[in-house]
Amino acid sequence: MKKRALFNWSSGKDSTLALYKILQQDEYEIVSFLTSISEEYQRISMHGIRVDLLIKQAKSLGFPLTLMSVPSMPTMETYEKKMEQTLRSFHQKGIEYSVFGDIFLEDLRQYREEKLESIGFKAVFPLWKADTRELIQEFLTLGFKTIVTCVNEQYLDKSFAGRIIDEQFIADLPENVDPCGENGEFHTFTFDGPLFSQPVTFEKGEIVRKTYPKPQTENTDDDSDYGFWYCDLIPN
């Protein structure tokens, strides 16, 4: 019998490739995608994807979708409480595994594992410690298609928002940017590929800049905001 698992779905390329690999293993039954969305904007947090487009994507991939609404700027306590409530509801249905597309962020993995263990879940990381240059090449070779929906202006300028990831995109990345954006340099939306029953269609909307306050720490007096460029994708 396969292990029943929840898939933490971001809508981007890492989630897509992690899904591809977990399905190849044939060890887990993915019972639902789980995606955090902003209550105020009805979009995926950080990725900026409209809920309508996310629903179309999940339908094309053939998986149920569970939406977890959180405030647009939740405190860690608020987020963790909401996540625990959501996961406990799945655990009561006999689901004990939670799949992530993380690649090499050790602190994040440890955080996820500790939180999940406290409520009876085990974390699964299909892409863990893989070479990110090899991963993005595999992603493209398999025939997946993804568009950049958000870039962190600390690493990339506005021109990268709204670009399809291809060989030229990878070649244009500065040396300090991970090719999979694993350090939060950019986020994506995957709209076609071998797992999709049909392409998820959309039109590119405007590109806008949004700022977010930096976390307050004792180690810096810098009170400037973080800036991000978002490319809106409009379902059609």
Protein backbone atom coordinates (compact mmCIF):
# COMPACT_ATOMS: atom_id res chain seq x y z
CA MET A 1 0.00 0.00 0.00
CA LYS A 2 1.31 3.45 -0.91
CA LYS A 3 2.07 6.02 1.76
CA ARG A 4 -0.53 8.79 1.76
CA ALA A 5 1.02 12.23 1.42
CA LEU A 6 0.16 15.89 1.26
CA PHE A 7 2.09 17.96 -1.29
CA ASN A 8 3.14 21.49 -0.31
CA TRP A 9 2.49 23.14 -3.65
CA SER A 10 3.96 26.52 -4.64
CA SER A 11 2.89 26.32 -8.33
CA GLY A 12 6.50 26.79 -9.47
CA LYS A 13 9.22 24.74 -11.11
CA ASP A 14 10.71 23.15 -7.97
CA SER A 15 7.31 21.89 -6.85
CA THR A 16 6.64 20.59 -10.34
CA LEU A 17 9.92 18.70 -10.59
CA ALA A 18 9.53 17.34 -7.05
CA LEU A 19 6.06 16.10 -8.03
CA TYR A 20 7.47 14.48 -11.15
CA LYS A 21 10.12 12.63 -9.13
CA ILE A 22 7.78 11.56 -6.32
CA LEU A 23 5.38 10.09 -8.88
CA GLN A 24 8.25 8.22 -10.53
CA GLN A 25 9.12 6.60 -7.20
CA ASP A 26 5.59 5.17 -7.03
CA GLU A 27 5.88 5.03 -3.23
CA TYR A 28 3.46 7.80 -2.27
CA GLU A 29 -0.17 8.59 -3.01
CA ILE A 30 -0.57 12.36 -3.27
CA VAL A 31 -4.00 13.03 -1.74
CA SER A 32 -3.96 16.80 -2.15
CA PHE A 33 -1.90 19.87 -2.94
CA LEU A 34 -1.68 22.37 -0.09
CA THR A 35 -1.06 26.02 -0.99
CA SER A 36 -0.93 29.10 1.24
CA ILE A 37 -2.72 32.11 -0.18
CA SER A 38 -3.19 35.69 0.95
CA GLU A 39 -6.66 36.34 2.36
CA GLU A 40 -6.55 39.95 1.20
CA TYR A 41 -5.25 39.46 -2.35
CA GLN A 42 -6.36 35.88 -3.11
CA ARG A 43 -2.96 35.08 -4.53
CA ILE A 44 -0.18 32.63 -3.67
CA SER A 45 2.15 34.16 -1.11
CA MET A 46 5.40 35.46 -2.72
CA HIS A 47 4.66 33.92 -6.12
CA GLY A 48 1.78 36.37 -6.68
CA ILE A 49 -0.31 33.86 -8.65
CA ARG A 50 -4.07 34.39 -8.74
CA VAL A 51 -6.13 31.65 -7.12
CA ASP A 52 -8.11 31.14 -10.36
CA LEU A 53 -4.90 30.28 -12.20
CA LEU A 54 -3.74 27.98 -9.38
CA ILE A 55 -7.04 26.09 -9.58
CA LYS A 56 -6.63 25.65 -13.35
CA GLN A 57 -3.09 24.36 -12.82
CA ALA A 58 -4.11 21.78 -10.19
CA LYS A 59 -6.97 20.61 -12.43
CA SER A 60 -4.63 20.10 -15.39
CA LEU A 61 -2.23 18.15 -13.17
CA GLY A 62 -5.11 16.05 -11.86
CA PHE A 63 -4.80 16.62 -8.11
CA PRO A 64 -7.19 17.99 -5.48
CA LEU A 65 -6.21 21.39 -4.11
CA THR A 66 -6.48 22.61 -0.52
CA LEU A 67 -6.16 26.36 0.02
CA MET A 68 -4.87 27.69 3.34
CA SER A 69 -5.75 31.38 3.70
CA VAL A 70 -3.46 33.53 5.84
CA PRO A 71 -3.18 37.30 6.38
CA SER A 72 -1.06 39.07 3.76
CA MET A 73 1.70 39.72 6.33
CA PRO A 74 1.15 37.04 8.99
CA THR A 75 3.24 36.75 12.12
CA MET A 76 5.14 33.49 12.46
CA GLU A 77 2.83 32.54 15.33
CA THR A 78 -0.28 33.11 13.20
CA TYR A 79 1.15 31.14 10.26
CA GLU A 80 2.26 28.21 12.41
CA LYS A 81 -1.11 28.01 14.19
CA LYS A 82 -2.98 27.96 10.87
CA MET A 83 -0.63 25.36 9.40
CA GLU A 84 -0.94 23.12 12.46
CA GLN A 85 -4.73 23.24 12.30
CA THR A 86 -4.66 22.37 8.61
CA LEU A 87 -2.20 19.52 8.99
CA ARG A 88 -4.00 18.02 11.97
CA SER A 89 -7.16 17.80 9.88
CA PHE A 90 -5.26 15.75 7.29
CA HIS A 91 -3.55 13.64 9.94
CA GLN A 92 -6.95 12.64 11.30
CA LYS A 93 -7.64 11.14 7.86
CA GLY A 94 -4.56 8.92 8.09
CA ILE A 95 -2.15 11.09 6.12
CA GLU A 96 1.34 11.07 7.65
CA TYR A 97 3.70 12.42 4.99
CA SER A 98 4.30 15.92 3.68
CA VAL A 99 6.26 16.56 0.46
CA PHE A 100 8.38 19.65 -0.25
CA GLY A 101 10.41 20.95 -3.20
CA ASP A 102 13.28 22.30 -1.06
CA ILE A 103 16.77 21.61 -2.38
CA PHE A 104 19.54 22.67 0.00
CA LEU A 105 18.41 25.07 2.74
CA GLU A 106 19.38 23.11 5.87
CA ASP A 107 17.72 25.46 8.39
CA LEU A 108 14.44 25.37 6.51
CA ARG A 109 14.47 21.58 6.33
CA GLN A 110 15.18 21.28 10.04
CA TYR A 111 12.37 23.71 10.83
CA ARG A 112 9.90 21.78 8.68
CA GLU A 113 10.89 18.41 10.12
CA GLU A 114 10.62 19.58 13.73
CA LYS A 115 7.21 21.19 13.24
CA LEU A 116 5.86 18.20 11.33
CA GLU A 117 7.18 15.65 13.80
CA SER A 118 5.33 17.40 16.63
CA ILE A 119 2.00 16.56 14.96
CA GLY A 120 2.85 13.11 13.61
CA PHE A 121 4.04 13.92 10.09
CA LYS A 122 7.23 12.97 8.26
CA ALA A 123 8.74 15.34 5.70
CA VAL A 124 9.78 14.14 2.22
CA PHE A 125 12.26 16.03 0.00
CA PRO A 126 12.55 14.48 -3.50
CA LEU A 127 15.06 17.11 -4.73
CA TRP A 128 17.25 17.26 -1.65
CA LYS A 129 20.95 18.01 -2.25
CA ALA A 130 20.62 17.73 -6.02
CA ASP A 131 22.82 20.03 -8.12
CA THR A 132 20.61 22.98 -9.04
CA ARG A 133 22.24 23.44 -12.46
CA GLU A 134 21.48 19.82 -13.26
CA LEU A 135 17.93 20.18 -11.91
CA ILE A 136 17.04 23.15 -14.10
CA GLN A 137 18.49 21.39 -17.15
CA GLU A 138 16.48 18.26 -16.33
CA PHE A 139 13.37 20.39 -15.92
CA LEU A 140 13.80 21.89 -19.38
CA THR A 141 14.82 18.60 -21.02
CA LEU A 142 11.66 16.94 -19.72
CA GLY A 143 9.64 19.59 -21.52
CA PHE A 144 8.26 21.61 -18.61
CA LYS A 145 7.54 25.28 -19.21
CA THR A 146 7.63 27.92 -16.49
CA ILE A 147 7.47 31.71 -16.28
CA VAL A 148 9.12 34.01 -13.74
CA THR A 149 6.40 35.75 -11.74
CA CYS A 150 8.47 37.41 -9.01
CA VAL A 151 12.07 38.59 -8.69
CA ASN A 152 13.92 39.87 -5.64
CA GLU A 153 15.54 43.15 -6.68
CA GLN A 154 18.49 42.44 -4.41
CA TYR A 155 19.54 39.92 -7.06
CA LEU A 156 17.70 40.65 -10.32
CA ASP A 157 16.22 43.67 -12.06
CA LYS A 158 12.74 44.21 -13.45
CA SER A 159 13.64 42.77 -16.87
CA PHE A 160 13.71 39.22 -15.48
CA ALA A 161 10.06 39.36 -14.37
CA GLY A 162 7.73 37.78 -16.92
CA ARG A 163 10.46 35.81 -18.72
CA ILE A 164 10.09 32.15 -19.67
CA ILE A 165 12.92 30.09 -18.22
CA ASP A 166 15.05 28.72 -21.04
CA GLU A 167 18.74 28.38 -21.84
CA GLN A 168 19.07 32.12 -22.48
CA PHE A 169 17.46 32.97 -19.14
CA ILE A 170 19.93 30.71 -17.34
CA ALA A 171 22.86 32.23 -19.23
CA ASP A 172 21.69 35.74 -18.29
CA LEU A 173 21.61 35.07 -14.55
CA PRO A 174 24.35 36.82 -12.53
CA GLU A 175 26.92 34.52 -10.94
CA ASN A 176 25.53 35.07 -7.44
CA VAL A 177 22.05 33.85 -8.41
CA ASP A 178 21.19 30.18 -8.00
CA PRO A 179 19.79 28.75 -11.28
CA CYS A 180 16.79 27.41 -9.39
CA GLY A 181 16.35 30.56 -7.30
CA GLU A 182 16.73 28.45 -4.17
CA ASN A 183 17.80 31.45 -2.09
CA GLY A 184 14.61 33.34 -2.96
CA GLU A 185 16.06 35.22 -5.94
CA PHE A 186 13.00 34.51 -8.11
CA HIS A 187 9.74 32.55 -8.17
CA THR A 188 7.89 30.88 -11.03
CA PHE A 189 4.62 29.45 -12.32
CA THR A 190 4.74 26.20 -14.32
CA PHE A 191 2.10 26.02 -17.03
CA ASP A 192 2.89 23.05 -19.26
CA GLY A 193 4.85 19.81 -19.41
CA PRO A 194 4.61 16.01 -19.25
CA LEU A 195 2.35 15.94 -16.15
CA PHE A 196 -0.22 18.38 -17.54
CA SER A 197 -3.37 17.19 -19.30
CA GLN A 198 -3.38 20.52 -21.16
CA PRO A 199 -1.42 23.80 -20.95
CA VAL A 200 -2.58 26.36 -18.40
CA THR A 201 -3.27 29.43 -20.51
CA PHE A 202 -2.88 33.05 -19.41
CA GLU A 203 -1.98 36.52 -20.58
CA LYS A 204 0.85 38.55 -19.10
CA GLY A 205 -0.40 41.59 -17.25
CA GLU A 206 1.48 44.52 -15.80
CA ILE A 207 4.77 44.30 -13.93
CA VAL A 208 4.62 46.06 -10.57
CA ARG A 209 7.05 46.70 -7.71
CA LYS A 210 6.07 45.88 -4.14
CA THR A 211 8.03 46.39 -0.95
CA TYR A 212 8.05 44.47 2.31
CA PRO A 213 9.64 45.45 5.63
CA LYS A 214 12.85 43.65 6.55
CA PRO A 215 12.68 41.45 9.64
CA GLN A 216 13.88 43.36 12.69
CA THR A 217 17.14 41.94 14.06
CA GLU A 218 19.67 43.03 16.60
CA ASN A 219 22.50 42.79 14.10
CA THR A 220 21.59 45.64 11.78
CA ASP A 221 20.38 49.22 11.82
CA ASP A 222 19.19 48.99 8.20
CA ASP A 223 15.47 49.74 8.19
CA SER A 224 15.02 49.81 4.41
CA ASP A 225 12.42 47.60 2.75
CA TYR A 226 12.84 44.56 0.52
CA GLY A 227 11.75 45.22 -3.07
CA PHE A 228 10.20 42.68 -5.45
CA TRP A 229 9.01 42.88 -9.07
CA TYR A 230 5.84 40.93 -9.86
CA CYS A 231 4.50 39.98 -13.27
CA ASP A 232 0.75 39.51 -13.11
CA LEU A 233 -0.63 36.48 -14.96
CA ILE A 234 -4.24 36.79 -16.06
CA PRO A 235 -6.20 33.55 -16.70
CA ASN A 236 -7.85 33.28 -20.11
